[in-house]
Protein backbone atom coordinates (compact mmCIF):
# COMPACT_ATOMS: atom_id res chain seq x y z
CA MET A 1 63.02 51.80 27.97
CA LEU A 2 62.80 48.71 29.73
CA LYS A 3 65.14 45.51 28.47
CA LEU A 4 64.61 42.13 29.85
CA TYR A 5 66.28 38.75 29.22
CA ASN A 6 63.88 36.62 27.42
CA SER A 7 64.41 32.81 27.85
CA LEU A 8 62.51 32.23 24.49
CA THR A 9 65.15 34.13 22.55
CA ARG A 10 68.04 33.82 24.87
CA GLU A 11 68.44 37.39 24.48
CA ILE A 12 67.93 41.07 26.14
CA GLU A 13 65.21 42.78 24.36
CA GLU A 14 63.57 45.90 24.51
CA PHE A 15 60.04 45.35 26.18
CA VAL A 16 57.21 46.49 23.85
CA PRO A 17 53.74 45.49 25.04
CA ILE A 18 50.90 44.03 22.96
CA ASN A 19 48.64 46.76 24.30
CA SER A 20 50.20 50.25 25.04
CA ASP A 21 47.41 50.89 28.00
CA ILE A 22 48.08 47.70 29.85
CA VAL A 23 50.47 44.87 30.37
CA GLY A 24 49.50 41.23 30.81
CA MET A 25 51.61 39.25 33.09
CA TYR A 26 51.29 35.66 34.50
CA THR A 27 53.37 34.03 37.28
CA CYS A 28 53.58 30.23 38.07
CA GLY A 29 52.78 30.15 41.78
CA PRO A 30 52.89 27.56 44.41
CA THR A 31 51.70 24.04 44.90
CA VAL A 32 50.31 24.20 48.10
CA TYR A 33 50.96 20.82 49.57
CA ASN A 34 53.45 22.19 51.92
CA PHE A 35 54.99 25.42 53.23
CA ALA A 36 56.71 27.71 50.47
CA SER A 37 60.35 27.93 51.26
CA ILE A 38 62.85 31.07 50.86
CA GLY A 39 63.85 29.48 47.76
CA ASN A 40 60.14 29.48 46.22
CA PHE A 41 59.73 32.89 47.29
CA ARG A 42 62.51 34.20 45.74
CA THR A 43 60.73 33.37 42.10
CA TYR A 44 57.68 35.60 43.45
CA PHE A 45 60.22 38.35 44.66
CA MET A 46 61.37 38.25 40.99
CA ALA A 47 57.84 38.57 39.70
CA ASP A 48 57.09 41.35 42.43
CA LEU A 49 59.94 43.53 41.09
CA LEU A 50 58.99 43.23 37.66
CA VAL A 51 55.28 44.39 38.26
CA ARG A 52 56.75 47.42 40.37
CA THR A 53 59.23 48.25 37.59
CA LEU A 54 56.47 48.36 35.14
CA ILE A 55 54.44 50.22 37.28
CA TYR A 56 57.25 52.74 38.12
CA ASP A 57 57.57 53.23 34.30
CA GLY A 58 54.08 53.98 33.83
CA TYR A 59 52.29 51.10 32.84
CA ASP A 60 49.13 49.51 34.08
CA VAL A 61 49.73 45.92 34.82
CA LYS A 62 46.95 43.06 35.04
CA TYR A 63 48.89 40.22 37.02
CA ILE A 64 47.69 36.81 37.45
CA MET A 65 49.10 34.26 39.53
CA ASN A 66 47.95 30.45 39.87
CA ILE A 67 47.68 28.54 42.95
CA THR A 68 48.03 24.85 42.04
CA ASP A 69 45.98 22.73 44.37
CA VAL A 70 45.41 19.65 42.28
CA GLY A 71 47.47 17.65 39.34
CA HIS A 72 50.96 18.09 40.35
CA LEU A 73 52.50 14.66 40.84
CA THR A 74 55.51 13.73 42.42
CA GLY A 75 57.46 12.14 39.29
CA ASP A 76 58.37 15.79 38.26
CA ASN A 77 61.03 15.85 40.71
CA ALA A 78 62.47 12.78 38.81
CA GLY A 79 62.04 13.95 35.60
CA ASP A 80 58.49 12.80 34.52
CA ALA A 81 55.61 15.13 35.78
CA ASP A 82 52.96 12.35 34.56
CA THR A 83 54.34 9.80 37.15
CA GLY A 84 54.11 9.57 41.06
CA GLU A 85 51.38 10.35 43.40
CA ASP A 86 49.65 13.52 43.49
CA ARG A 87 51.23 16.07 46.04
CA MET A 88 47.99 17.06 47.54
CA GLU A 89 46.72 13.67 48.12
CA LYS A 90 50.08 12.38 49.59
CA ALA A 91 50.02 15.43 52.00
CA ALA A 92 46.62 14.69 52.97
CA SER A 93 47.60 11.04 53.92
CA ARG A 94 50.71 12.36 55.77
CA GLU A 95 48.83 15.25 57.75
CA ASN A 96 45.58 12.97 58.30
CA LYS A 97 43.32 15.45 56.72
CA THR A 98 41.38 15.82 53.40
CA ALA A 99 43.10 17.36 50.34
CA TRP A 100 40.86 20.06 50.44
CA GLU A 101 41.94 21.00 54.02
CA VAL A 102 45.46 20.65 53.09
CA ALA A 103 45.10 23.21 50.08
CA GLN A 104 43.32 25.63 52.21
CA PHE A 105 45.76 25.50 55.21
CA TYR A 106 48.90 25.79 52.68
CA THR A 107 47.28 28.43 50.88
CA GLU A 108 46.64 30.59 53.74
CA GLN A 109 50.09 30.25 55.17
CA PHE A 110 51.48 31.35 51.57
CA LEU A 111 49.24 34.50 51.47
CA GLU A 112 50.61 35.40 55.13
CA ASP A 113 54.03 35.06 54.09
CA PHE A 114 53.22 36.67 50.70
CA GLU A 115 52.13 39.70 52.70
CA ALA A 116 54.79 39.61 55.12
CA LEU A 117 57.43 39.90 52.23
CA ASN A 118 55.34 42.82 50.92
CA LEU A 119 55.01 41.30 47.32
CA THR A 120 52.50 42.85 45.13
CA SER A 121 49.31 40.96 45.20
CA PRO A 122 48.09 39.98 41.75
CA GLU A 123 44.84 41.00 40.67
CA ILE A 124 43.62 37.00 40.73
CA PHE A 125 45.11 34.44 42.71
CA ALA A 126 43.85 31.68 40.31
CA LYS A 127 43.11 28.18 41.92
CA ALA A 128 43.38 25.13 39.74
CA THR A 129 40.47 23.51 41.34
CA ASP A 130 38.24 26.48 40.52
CA HIS A 131 38.86 26.17 36.65
CA ILE A 132 38.43 22.77 36.12
CA GLN A 133 35.89 23.18 33.33
CA GLU A 134 38.36 25.69 31.72
CA GLN A 135 41.03 23.05 31.57
CA ILE A 136 38.46 20.45 30.21
CA ALA A 137 37.59 22.82 27.35
CA LEU A 138 41.37 23.39 26.24
CA VAL A 139 41.93 19.77 26.55
CA LYS A 140 38.67 19.42 24.23
CA ARG A 141 40.02 21.76 21.99
CA LEU A 142 42.98 20.22 21.36
CA GLU A 143 41.41 16.87 20.85
CA ASN A 144 39.02 18.17 18.29
CA LYS A 145 42.35 19.25 16.33
CA GLY A 146 43.53 15.80 16.65
CA LEU A 147 46.83 16.57 18.78
CA THR A 148 45.86 14.31 21.48
CA TYR A 149 45.51 10.41 22.07
CA GLN A 150 44.34 8.32 24.88
CA ILE A 151 46.26 5.45 26.73
CA SER A 152 45.46 3.62 29.72
CA ASP A 153 46.14 6.62 32.29
CA GLY A 154 44.87 9.55 30.73
CA ILE A 155 44.79 11.76 27.43
CA TYR A 156 48.32 12.77 26.07
CA PHE A 157 49.45 15.75 23.97
CA ASP A 158 51.10 14.39 20.81
CA THR A 159 54.40 16.77 20.71
CA SER A 160 55.37 15.17 17.19
CA LYS A 161 52.49 17.21 15.75
CA PHE A 162 53.76 20.54 17.28
CA PRO A 163 56.99 21.04 15.50
CA LYS A 164 58.10 24.13 17.60
CA TYR A 165 57.91 21.84 20.71
CA GLY A 166 60.76 22.81 23.24
CA GLU A 167 62.18 25.76 21.44
CA MET A 168 62.74 27.59 24.79
CA SER A 169 64.70 24.74 26.38
CA ASN A 170 67.49 22.91 25.24
CA LEU A 171 66.45 19.65 24.03
CA ASP A 172 69.30 18.02 25.71
CA GLU A 173 67.54 19.17 28.80
CA ILE A 174 64.56 17.04 27.79
CA LYS A 175 66.26 13.84 27.16
CA GLU A 176 64.28 11.00 26.45
CA GLY A 177 63.67 8.80 29.65
CA ALA A 178 65.64 11.21 31.57
CA ARG A 179 66.16 9.61 35.03
CA VAL A 180 62.56 7.84 34.83
CA GLU A 181 61.73 4.75 33.09
CA VAL A 182 59.79 5.54 29.74
CA ASN A 183 55.92 5.03 29.76
CA PRO A 184 55.79 2.26 27.16
CA GLU A 185 52.36 3.52 26.04
CA LYS A 186 53.49 6.88 25.05
CA ARG A 187 54.13 7.76 21.24
CA ASN A 188 56.94 9.86 22.46
CA SER A 189 58.60 10.32 25.50
CA ARG A 190 58.04 14.19 25.73
CA ASP A 191 54.48 13.72 25.09
CA PHE A 192 52.69 14.71 28.40
CA ALA A 193 49.40 14.30 30.12
CA LEU A 194 46.50 16.75 29.64
CA TRP A 195 43.77 14.76 31.78
CA LYS A 196 44.76 11.89 33.78
CA PHE A 197 42.21 9.05 34.74
CA SER A 198 41.65 8.43 38.43
CA TYR A 199 42.07 4.49 37.61
CA PRO A 200 42.91 2.83 34.23
CA ASP A 201 40.45 2.86 31.50
CA GLY A 202 38.25 -0.01 31.47
CA VAL A 203 38.72 -1.09 34.83
CA SER A 204 36.76 -0.57 37.93
CA MET A 205 37.94 1.12 41.22
CA ASP A 206 37.44 -1.90 42.97
CA GLU A 207 39.57 -3.95 40.57
CA TYR A 208 42.15 -1.53 40.50
CA GLN A 209 42.51 -1.44 44.17
CA GLN A 210 43.03 -5.02 44.30
CA GLU A 211 45.46 -4.85 41.62
CA LEU A 212 47.35 -2.44 43.84
CA ARG A 213 46.90 -4.57 46.77
CA ASP A 214 48.44 -7.65 44.84
CA SER A 215 51.35 -5.82 43.68
CA GLY A 216 51.93 -4.64 47.45
CA VAL A 217 51.27 -0.80 46.76
CA GLU A 218 49.16 -0.09 49.88
CA LYS A 219 49.42 3.80 49.99
CA THR A 220 47.99 4.56 46.70
CA ILE A 221 44.83 2.38 46.72
CA LEU A 222 42.55 5.03 48.53
CA GLN A 223 40.03 6.74 46.48
CA ARG A 224 41.04 10.23 44.93
CA GLN A 225 39.52 13.05 46.92
CA MET A 226 40.33 15.59 44.06
CA GLU A 227 38.52 14.28 40.89
CA TRP A 228 35.86 15.06 38.42
CA GLU A 229 33.55 13.97 35.49
CA SER A 230 34.96 14.77 32.16
CA PRO A 231 34.09 13.55 28.71
CA TRP A 232 37.27 10.97 28.98
CA GLY A 233 35.88 9.50 32.56
CA VAL A 234 36.45 10.26 36.19
CA GLY A 235 39.96 12.15 36.76
CA PHE A 236 41.94 15.07 37.30
CA PRO A 237 43.79 17.54 34.94
CA GLY A 238 47.48 17.48 34.33
CA TRP A 239 49.61 19.76 35.76
CA HIS A 240 50.96 22.04 32.77
CA ILE A 241 46.98 22.29 31.31
CA GLU A 242 45.88 24.55 34.29
CA CYS A 243 48.37 27.54 33.55
CA SER A 244 47.53 27.68 29.85
CA ALA A 245 43.72 27.62 30.53
CA MET A 246 43.87 30.09 33.52
CA SER A 247 46.39 32.54 31.91
CA MET A 248 44.34 32.57 28.48
CA LYS A 249 41.07 33.06 30.51
CA TYR A 250 42.19 36.18 32.37
CA LEU A 251 45.03 37.35 29.82
CA GLY A 252 43.70 36.48 26.29
CA ASP A 253 45.30 33.76 23.96
CA SER A 254 48.30 36.00 23.71
CA PHE A 255 50.05 38.13 26.42
CA ASP A 256 53.13 39.88 27.37
CA ILE A 257 54.94 38.13 29.97
CA HIS A 258 55.26 35.01 31.83
CA THR A 259 57.52 34.26 34.69
CA GLY A 260 58.55 31.37 36.97
CA GLY A 261 61.56 29.51 38.48
CA ILE A 262 64.48 28.19 36.24
CA ASP A 263 63.14 24.56 36.87
CA LEU A 264 60.07 25.35 34.82
CA ARG A 265 62.11 26.43 31.76
CA SER A 266 62.78 22.76 30.47
CA THR A 267 59.33 21.03 30.77
CA HIS A 268 56.82 22.89 31.96
CA HIS A 269 56.80 26.02 29.97
CA PRO A 270 57.46 24.32 26.83
CA ASN A 271 54.50 22.30 27.61
CA GLU A 272 52.44 25.60 28.01
CA ILE A 273 53.54 26.98 25.06
CA ALA A 274 52.74 23.69 23.10
CA GLN A 275 49.12 23.16 24.19
CA ALA A 276 48.07 26.92 24.27
CA GLU A 277 49.69 27.66 20.68
CA ALA A 278 48.29 24.43 19.16
CA ALA A 279 44.79 25.36 20.23
CA THR A 280 44.88 28.90 19.06
CA GLY A 281 47.33 29.06 16.18
CA LYS A 282 48.97 32.51 17.97
CA LYS A 283 52.17 33.06 19.87
CA PHE A 284 51.31 32.55 23.57
CA VAL A 285 53.55 34.83 25.22
CA ASN A 286 56.21 37.41 24.13
CA TYR A 287 58.74 37.55 27.13
CA TRP A 288 59.65 34.70 29.32
CA LEU A 289 61.62 35.45 32.71
CA HIS A 290 62.92 32.65 35.09
CA GLY A 291 64.52 33.18 38.36
CA ALA A 292 67.97 31.46 39.34
CA PHE A 293 67.84 28.88 42.54
CA ILE A 294 68.78 29.77 46.06
CA LEU A 295 71.81 27.76 47.35
CA VAL A 296 72.36 27.42 51.24
CA GLN A 297 75.83 28.04 52.45
CA GLY A 298 76.98 26.75 48.74
CA GLN A 299 75.04 23.60 48.62
CA LYS A 300 71.41 22.84 46.83
CA MET A 301 68.58 23.57 49.11
CA SER A 302 67.02 20.10 49.59
CA LYS A 303 65.11 18.26 52.38
CA SER A 304 67.70 15.67 52.66
CA LEU A 305 70.27 18.25 53.67
CA GLY A 306 68.08 19.65 56.24
CA ASN A 307 68.63 23.05 54.57
CA VAL A 308 65.14 23.92 53.36
CA TYR A 309 64.00 27.28 55.23
CA ARG A 310 60.92 29.24 55.45
CA LEU A 311 60.22 32.64 56.28
CA TYR A 312 58.97 31.40 59.96
CA ASP A 313 62.51 29.50 60.56
CA LEU A 314 64.08 33.42 60.00
CA GLU A 315 61.62 34.77 62.18
CA LYS A 316 62.28 32.45 64.91
CA GLN A 317 65.80 33.63 64.81
CA GLY A 318 64.96 37.40 65.33
CA PHE A 319 65.13 38.58 61.50
CA GLU A 320 62.22 40.51 59.96
CA PRO A 321 60.94 39.49 56.73
CA LEU A 322 62.01 42.55 55.13
CA ALA A 323 65.46 41.67 55.94
CA LEU A 324 65.09 38.41 53.70
CA ARG A 325 63.79 41.26 51.00
CA TYR A 326 66.81 43.22 51.30
CA LEU A 327 68.61 40.06 50.86
CA TYR A 328 67.11 39.25 47.70
CA LEU A 329 67.54 42.96 46.54
CA GLN A 330 71.48 42.10 46.49
CA THR A 331 71.65 39.56 44.04
CA HIS A 332 70.62 39.66 40.22
CA TYR A 333 67.51 37.58 39.61
CA ARG A 334 69.18 35.54 36.92
CA GLN A 335 72.37 34.59 39.17
CA GLU A 336 72.19 31.88 41.95
CA MET A 337 72.06 33.48 45.42
CA ASN A 338 73.73 31.93 48.27
CA PHE A 339 71.89 32.20 51.31
CA THR A 340 73.67 32.18 54.53
CA PHE A 341 72.68 33.59 57.98
CA PRO A 342 75.55 36.02 58.57
CA ALA A 343 74.49 37.40 54.96
CA LEU A 344 71.01 37.77 56.36
CA ASP A 345 72.36 39.24 59.43
CA ALA A 346 73.90 41.80 57.31
CA ALA A 347 71.04 42.38 55.24
CA GLN A 348 69.23 43.19 58.53
CA ASN A 349 71.89 45.59 59.60
CA ALA A 350 71.61 47.23 56.28
CA LEU A 351 67.87 47.57 56.43
CA ASN A 352 67.98 49.31 59.89
CA HIS A 353 70.83 51.69 58.58
CA LEU A 354 68.51 52.47 55.88
CA ARG A 355 65.63 53.21 57.87
CA LYS A 356 67.50 55.55 60.27
CA GLU A 357 68.91 57.22 57.27
CA CYS A 358 65.48 57.73 55.98
CA LEU A 359 64.29 59.03 59.28
CA LYS A 360 66.98 61.32 59.35
CA LEU A 361 66.42 62.81 56.11
CA ALA A 362 62.79 63.13 57.05
CA SER A 363 63.92 65.06 59.91
CA LEU A 364 66.20 67.35 58.32
CA SER A 365 63.24 68.03 55.86
CA ARG A 366 61.31 69.10 58.66
CA SER A 367 57.55 68.96 57.98
CA VAL A 368 58.09 66.78 54.96
CA THR A 369 54.80 66.58 53.63
CA GLU A 370 53.96 69.98 53.95
CA GLU A 371 57.46 71.06 52.09
CA ILE A 372 56.96 68.50 49.36
CA LYS A 373 53.56 70.62 48.49
CA LYS A 374 55.10 73.81 48.48
CA THR A 375 58.16 72.88 46.45
CA GLU A 376 58.68 71.95 42.79
CA SER A 377 61.22 69.40 43.87
CA SER A 378 60.67 65.80 42.31
CA GLY A 379 63.73 64.77 43.82
CA SER A 380 67.44 64.30 42.90
CA GLU A 381 67.44 64.18 39.27
CA GLU A 382 70.67 62.67 38.90
CA TYR A 383 70.13 59.77 40.86
CA GLU A 384 66.52 59.40 39.53
CA ASP A 385 67.96 58.98 36.16
CA LYS A 386 70.39 56.75 37.40
CA PHE A 387 68.00 54.36 39.53
CA ALA A 388 65.62 54.11 36.47
CA GLU A 389 68.68 52.89 33.91
CA ALA A 390 69.32 50.44 36.51
CA ILE A 391 65.96 48.85 37.10
CA ASN A 392 65.31 49.10 33.44
CA ASN A 393 68.42 47.06 32.51
CA ASP A 394 67.12 43.62 33.13
CA LEU A 395 65.89 44.45 36.69
CA ASN A 396 69.48 45.07 37.94
CA LEU A 397 68.33 45.67 41.39
CA PRO A 398 71.70 45.15 43.20
CA GLU A 399 73.01 48.11 41.26
CA ALA A 400 69.89 50.19 42.00
CA LEU A 401 70.23 49.64 45.80
CA SER A 402 74.04 50.85 45.23
CA ILE A 403 72.55 53.70 43.72
CA THR A 404 70.46 54.34 46.76
CA TRP A 405 73.39 54.52 48.87
CA ASP A 406 75.44 56.39 46.68
CA MET A 407 72.53 59.17 46.87
CA ILE A 408 72.08 59.20 50.50
CA LYS A 409 75.77 59.53 50.93
CA SER A 410 75.96 62.55 48.19
CA ASP A 411 75.76 66.30 48.87
CA ALA A 412 72.22 66.60 47.44
CA ALA A 413 69.61 68.60 49.35
CA ALA A 414 67.98 66.40 52.37
CA LEU A 415 64.58 67.12 50.81
CA ASP A 416 65.51 65.87 47.17
CA LYS A 417 67.05 62.70 48.69
CA TYR A 418 64.35 62.05 50.92
CA ILE A 419 61.67 62.48 47.68
CA SER A 420 63.73 60.19 45.62
CA LEU A 421 64.15 57.87 48.46
CA MET A 422 60.31 57.35 48.65
CA ASN A 423 60.33 57.06 44.89
CA PHE A 424 62.69 54.30 44.71
CA ASP A 425 60.97 52.58 47.65
CA GLU A 426 58.24 52.11 45.11
CA VAL A 427 60.31 49.12 43.71
CA LEU A 428 62.59 48.44 46.65
CA GLY A 429 59.37 47.54 48.37
CA LEU A 430 61.17 48.00 51.81
CA ASN A 431 57.91 49.81 53.32
CA LEU A 432 60.27 52.86 54.18
CA GLN A 433 57.13 55.39 54.54
CA GLU A 434 55.28 52.93 57.01
CA TYR A 435 58.61 52.94 58.92
CA ILE A 436 58.63 56.70 59.17
CA GLU A 437 55.09 56.80 59.99
CA ALA A 438 55.64 54.46 62.72
CA ASN A 439 58.61 56.56 64.25
CA LYS A 440 57.27 60.25 63.46
CA GLN A 441 57.28 61.29 66.89
CA GLU A 442 61.08 61.47 66.22
CA LEU A 443 60.51 64.12 63.49
CA ASN A 444 58.79 66.44 66.17
CA PHE A 445 61.73 67.06 68.39
CA SER A 446 65.28 67.91 68.23
CA VAL A 447 67.80 65.80 70.12
CA PRO A 448 70.63 67.61 71.54
CA ARG A 449 74.26 66.57 70.66
CA GLU A 450 74.96 65.68 74.47
CA VAL A 451 71.99 63.15 74.55
CA LYS A 452 72.96 61.52 71.02
CA SER A 453 76.49 61.28 72.61
CA LEU A 454 75.30 59.77 75.80
CA VAL A 455 73.20 57.18 73.42
CA GLU A 456 76.10 56.02 71.51
CA VAL A 457 78.06 55.66 74.79
CA ARG A 458 75.05 53.23 76.19
CA GLU A 459 75.28 51.35 73.10
CA GLN A 460 78.85 50.60 73.20
CA LEU A 461 78.58 49.80 76.85
CA ARG A 462 76.00 47.40 75.85
CA SER A 463 77.82 45.82 73.11
CA GLU A 464 80.53 45.33 75.96
CA LYS A 465 77.78 43.38 78.15
CA LYS A 466 78.54 46.14 80.82
CA PHE A 467 74.70 46.59 81.46
CA ALA A 468 75.06 48.28 84.87
CA GLN A 469 77.24 51.07 83.38
CA ALA A 470 74.62 51.29 80.37
CA ASP A 471 71.87 51.64 82.86
CA GLN A 472 73.56 54.70 84.39
CA VAL A 473 74.06 56.55 81.27
CA ARG A 474 70.66 55.70 80.67
CA ASN A 475 69.36 57.62 83.83
CA GLN A 476 71.90 60.68 82.76
CA ILE A 477 69.51 60.45 79.44
CA ARG A 478 66.54 60.50 81.37
CA ASN A 479 67.72 63.52 83.45
CA LEU A 480 67.80 65.38 80.42
CA GLY A 481 64.39 64.76 79.32
CA PHE A 482 64.75 61.84 76.85
CA ASP A 483 64.61 57.97 77.14
CA ILE A 484 65.46 55.19 74.96
CA GLU A 485 63.45 52.34 73.66
CA ASP A 486 65.23 49.41 72.44
CA SER A 487 63.99 47.53 69.30
CA ALA A 488 65.06 45.28 66.28
CA GLY A 489 65.92 48.37 64.61
CA GLY A 490 68.25 49.78 67.05
CA PRO A 491 67.43 52.30 69.92
CA LYS A 492 64.72 54.89 69.61
CA ILE A 493 64.89 58.33 71.36
CA VAL A 494 61.82 59.35 72.78
CA LYS A 495 60.90 62.67 74.71
CA ILE A 496 59.72 62.47 78.10
CA GLU A 497 58.68 64.62 81.21
CA ILE A 498 61.28 65.26 83.70
CA GLN A 499 59.97 64.24 87.20
CA GLU A 500 60.27 67.16 89.55
């Protein structure tokens, strides 16, 4: 039985889906104004683990993730997501591109990294700009219920008319005016924008631009590139409305699971709940999961400290994306993870070791595919049970990874261990089967003990930088009908024809 920590109730609960046939799940995805960092990807990795665990448990999953390409303002960093500049427009100015070009470029980069980390693709990556009419319709629905009001810069949700507001976050996390000057036009500082005007109501764009010039604000006087007609005038959706509108479109008024980073728990997700439940009169989501932050060498990841890394930065230093995935596996999703390069190096080495053990098990099992077909073995029952118990205990992947290694070191039959390891990798997502396929030539021949010993001697000499002596050992290996291919995963032994 899957048990999950529900941020809504602050308790670990047994997971019971609304529909026994399929689980509806939504993840808050990236705002595509810049590259996604390894901190961002830890959140998406958590969602991936949950999807994989649900599938491992036999559920079908309808999985949706949004792509925010409009409406996310810079003010959310200061405590008010309804203030500041639009991130897309700001990035367009920075890079001398259109906002649409910025969105397209960073979406493509995100998807490349997403694939490299072997994250499970959602059924739909829902872009905010593709769902403007759905967002307008939801705002109109709230307006018709008397839950909104209009001020000079937009249409706002009146939180005083939703008594349950903020039940998921501690109210002291939503302090009035926290870190920002309160908008005096708001009825309540916790009220939030549903639809923002491109410029103040009743003022022409030319007048607004002149007003900004007079106040010395030069960088915000440009015509917005992303704006739409609405019942309230030209404008763009508030950041929060997109997730409610898109999740309900694809998953219904009520669905099972919503995930995101811990930073979304205090305002963004309470706002989603408020506007969705106020519109439908139904419970929006049953289970809310939030992933913790990444620290870098014990410090908060931030641009000012110059420690915001993305996948490309790690690859430049010779690390594989799956090494980062392995590193993620070692810390529970609700605990802060401390990223260091020595830790990543250790994860890369552990991954390489796991691959070698996997290949060894495949080799010991001989014609693995044929043997599996002939046997009734479904793996090591003892370790299968332990692994399932770990992942179903609020996604305890560190324990599951430890159980995986315990099994590899155990006295269980090689074929049983191999089958279980392939099963475990359905959740671990380390592409072990692909590794075996890429190295299956090593399954087709046996390596004499003498050759293996020489390979170890050569590796020791190379580690001591005695390269001339290492080359002499390699020649000895060649004379015995084998050769070495050096790779990031370690030396590979290949069979060669001995030249007469």
